[in-house]
Amino acid sequence: MSDEADPILEAVEALIALGHTVVPDEDFEHWQVDGGEWITLGDLLALALRQGLMDGPGRIQ
């Protein structure tokens, strides 16, 4: 088992803690936030990053 946190789970938990409703599709590949459009996993992570809920990957060299 890995000690690393799952970034998707971290993003979902952070968004829910902030009061958002986050719903996955049946394959957990697309997500709906607050009843909006379906977004991809990458967009979900980007949303959490933009809201300051997660640390980013750092500076790209």
N, C-alpha and C. Protein backbone atom coordinates (compact mmCIF):
# COMPACT_ATOMS: atom_id res chain seq x y z
N MET A 1 0.84 -1.17 0.00
CA MET A 1 0.00 0.00 0.00
C MET A 1 0.89 1.24 0.00
N SER A 2 0.52 2.25 -0.76
CA SER A 2 1.32 3.46 -0.88
C SER A 2 0.99 4.45 0.23
N ASP A 3 2.02 5.21 0.65
CA ASP A 3 1.81 6.25 1.66
C ASP A 3 1.34 7.56 1.03
N GLU A 4 1.38 7.65 -0.29
CA GLU A 4 1.00 8.88 -0.97
C GLU A 4 -0.52 9.02 -0.99
N ALA A 5 -0.97 10.27 -0.78
CA ALA A 5 -2.40 10.56 -0.81
C ALA A 5 -2.89 10.58 -2.26
N ASP A 6 -4.12 10.19 -2.46
CA ASP A 6 -4.74 10.23 -3.78
C ASP A 6 -5.16 11.68 -4.05
N PRO A 7 -4.59 12.33 -5.07
CA PRO A 7 -4.92 13.74 -5.30
C PRO A 7 -6.39 13.96 -5.67
N ILE A 8 -7.02 13.00 -6.32
CA ILE A 8 -8.44 13.15 -6.65
C ILE A 8 -9.27 13.14 -5.38
N LEU A 9 -9.01 12.18 -4.50
CA LEU A 9 -9.73 12.10 -3.24
C LEU A 9 -9.49 13.36 -2.40
N GLU A 10 -8.25 13.85 -2.40
CA GLU A 10 -7.93 15.07 -1.67
C GLU A 10 -8.71 16.26 -2.22
N ALA A 11 -8.80 16.36 -3.54
CA ALA A 11 -9.55 17.46 -4.16
C ALA A 11 -11.03 17.38 -3.83
N VAL A 12 -11.59 16.17 -3.93
CA VAL A 12 -13.02 15.99 -3.64
C VAL A 12 -13.30 16.34 -2.18
N GLU A 13 -12.50 15.83 -1.27
CA GLU A 13 -12.72 16.11 0.15
C GLU A 13 -12.59 17.60 0.45
N ALA A 14 -11.63 18.27 -0.17
CA ALA A 14 -11.44 19.71 0.06
C ALA A 14 -12.63 20.51 -0.47
N LEU A 15 -13.11 20.17 -1.65
CA LEU A 15 -14.25 20.87 -2.21
C LEU A 15 -15.51 20.65 -1.37
N ILE A 16 -15.73 19.42 -0.91
CA ILE A 16 -16.88 19.13 -0.06
C ILE A 16 -16.77 19.89 1.27
N ALA A 17 -15.57 19.94 1.84
CA ALA A 17 -15.37 20.65 3.11
C ALA A 17 -15.68 22.14 2.96
N LEU A 18 -15.49 22.67 1.75
CA LEU A 18 -15.78 24.07 1.50
C LEU A 18 -17.26 24.32 1.22
N GLY A 19 -18.05 23.23 1.16
CA GLY A 19 -19.49 23.36 0.98
C GLY A 19 -20.00 23.04 -0.41
N HIS A 20 -19.11 22.58 -1.30
CA HIS A 20 -19.53 22.22 -2.65
C HIS A 20 -20.13 20.82 -2.65
N THR A 21 -21.03 20.57 -3.59
CA THR A 21 -21.57 19.24 -3.83
C THR A 21 -20.78 18.66 -4.99
N VAL A 22 -20.13 17.51 -4.76
CA VAL A 22 -19.28 16.88 -5.77
C VAL A 22 -19.80 15.47 -6.02
N VAL A 23 -20.15 15.19 -7.28
CA VAL A 23 -20.75 13.91 -7.65
C VAL A 23 -19.96 13.29 -8.81
N PRO A 24 -19.53 12.03 -8.67
CA PRO A 24 -18.84 11.36 -9.78
C PRO A 24 -19.84 10.67 -10.70
N ASP A 25 -19.39 10.40 -11.94
CA ASP A 25 -20.20 9.53 -12.79
C ASP A 25 -19.96 8.09 -12.33
N GLU A 26 -20.59 7.12 -12.97
CA GLU A 26 -20.49 5.74 -12.49
C GLU A 26 -19.09 5.15 -12.66
N ASP A 27 -18.26 5.74 -13.54
CA ASP A 27 -16.90 5.25 -13.74
C ASP A 27 -15.85 6.08 -13.00
N PHE A 28 -16.30 7.12 -12.30
CA PHE A 28 -15.40 8.03 -11.58
C PHE A 28 -14.39 8.69 -12.51
N GLU A 29 -14.81 8.93 -13.76
CA GLU A 29 -13.94 9.61 -14.72
C GLU A 29 -14.35 11.06 -14.94
N HIS A 30 -15.62 11.37 -14.69
CA HIS A 30 -16.12 12.73 -14.82
C HIS A 30 -16.84 13.10 -13.53
N TRP A 31 -16.81 14.38 -13.23
CA TRP A 31 -17.33 14.86 -11.95
C TRP A 31 -18.24 16.05 -12.20
N GLN A 32 -19.24 16.19 -11.35
CA GLN A 32 -20.15 17.31 -11.42
C GLN A 32 -20.03 18.06 -10.09
N VAL A 33 -19.76 19.36 -10.19
CA VAL A 33 -19.61 20.19 -8.99
C VAL A 33 -20.78 21.16 -8.95
N ASP A 34 -21.52 21.12 -7.86
CA ASP A 34 -22.67 21.99 -7.64
C ASP A 34 -23.68 21.94 -8.77
N GLY A 35 -23.87 20.76 -9.35
CA GLY A 35 -24.87 20.58 -10.39
C GLY A 35 -24.50 21.17 -11.74
N GLY A 36 -23.24 21.57 -11.92
CA GLY A 36 -22.80 22.17 -13.19
C GLY A 36 -22.49 21.12 -14.24
N GLU A 37 -21.75 21.55 -15.24
CA GLU A 37 -21.34 20.67 -16.33
C GLU A 37 -20.44 19.55 -15.79
N TRP A 38 -20.42 18.42 -16.47
CA TRP A 38 -19.51 17.33 -16.12
C TRP A 38 -18.10 17.76 -16.49
N ILE A 39 -17.15 17.55 -15.59
CA ILE A 39 -15.76 17.92 -15.84
C ILE A 39 -14.86 16.69 -15.69
N THR A 40 -13.67 16.78 -16.25
CA THR A 40 -12.72 15.68 -16.18
C THR A 40 -11.99 15.68 -14.85
N LEU A 41 -11.24 14.63 -14.60
CA LEU A 41 -10.42 14.55 -13.39
C LEU A 41 -9.44 15.71 -13.31
N GLY A 42 -8.82 16.02 -14.45
CA GLY A 42 -7.87 17.14 -14.50
C GLY A 42 -8.52 18.46 -14.16
N ASP A 43 -9.73 18.67 -14.67
CA ASP A 43 -10.46 19.91 -14.37
C ASP A 43 -10.85 19.97 -12.89
N LEU A 44 -11.17 18.83 -12.31
CA LEU A 44 -11.51 18.78 -10.89
C LEU A 44 -10.30 19.18 -10.05
N LEU A 45 -9.14 18.63 -10.39
CA LEU A 45 -7.91 19.00 -9.69
C LEU A 45 -7.60 20.48 -9.87
N ALA A 46 -7.75 20.97 -11.09
CA ALA A 46 -7.49 22.38 -11.37
C ALA A 46 -8.42 23.28 -10.55
N LEU A 47 -9.67 22.91 -10.42
CA LEU A 47 -10.63 23.68 -9.63
C LEU A 47 -10.18 23.77 -8.18
N ALA A 48 -9.78 22.66 -7.60
CA ALA A 48 -9.31 22.67 -6.21
C ALA A 48 -8.04 23.49 -6.06
N LEU A 49 -7.14 23.40 -7.04
CA LEU A 49 -5.91 24.19 -7.00
C LEU A 49 -6.21 25.68 -7.10
N ARG A 50 -7.09 26.07 -8.02
CA ARG A 50 -7.43 27.48 -8.20
C ARG A 50 -8.08 28.07 -6.95
N GLN A 51 -8.82 27.26 -6.23
CA GLN A 51 -9.47 27.75 -5.02
C GLN A 51 -8.54 27.70 -3.81
N GLY A 52 -7.29 27.29 -4.04
CA GLY A 52 -6.31 27.26 -2.95
C GLY A 52 -6.53 26.14 -1.96
N LEU A 53 -7.23 25.08 -2.38
CA LEU A 53 -7.55 23.99 -1.47
C LEU A 53 -6.48 22.91 -1.45
N MET A 54 -5.58 22.95 -2.43
CA MET A 54 -4.52 21.94 -2.53
C MET A 54 -3.23 22.63 -2.93
N ASP A 55 -2.12 21.99 -2.60
CA ASP A 55 -0.82 22.47 -3.05
C ASP A 55 -0.61 22.01 -4.48
N GLY A 56 -0.04 22.88 -5.29
CA GLY A 56 0.27 22.53 -6.67
C GLY A 56 1.51 21.68 -6.76
N PRO A 57 1.85 21.26 -7.97
CA PRO A 57 3.01 20.41 -8.16
C PRO A 57 4.33 21.15 -8.03
N GLY A 58 4.30 22.45 -7.88
CA GLY A 58 5.54 23.22 -7.78
C GLY A 58 5.85 23.89 -9.10
N ARG A 59 6.92 24.62 -9.11
CA ARG A 59 7.30 25.33 -10.33
C ARG A 59 7.88 24.38 -11.35
N ILE A 60 7.51 24.62 -12.58
CA ILE A 60 8.08 23.85 -13.68
C ILE A 60 9.35 24.54 -14.12
N GLN A 61 10.41 23.79 -14.27
CA GLN A 61 11.70 24.36 -14.64
C GLN A 61 11.78 24.64 -16.10
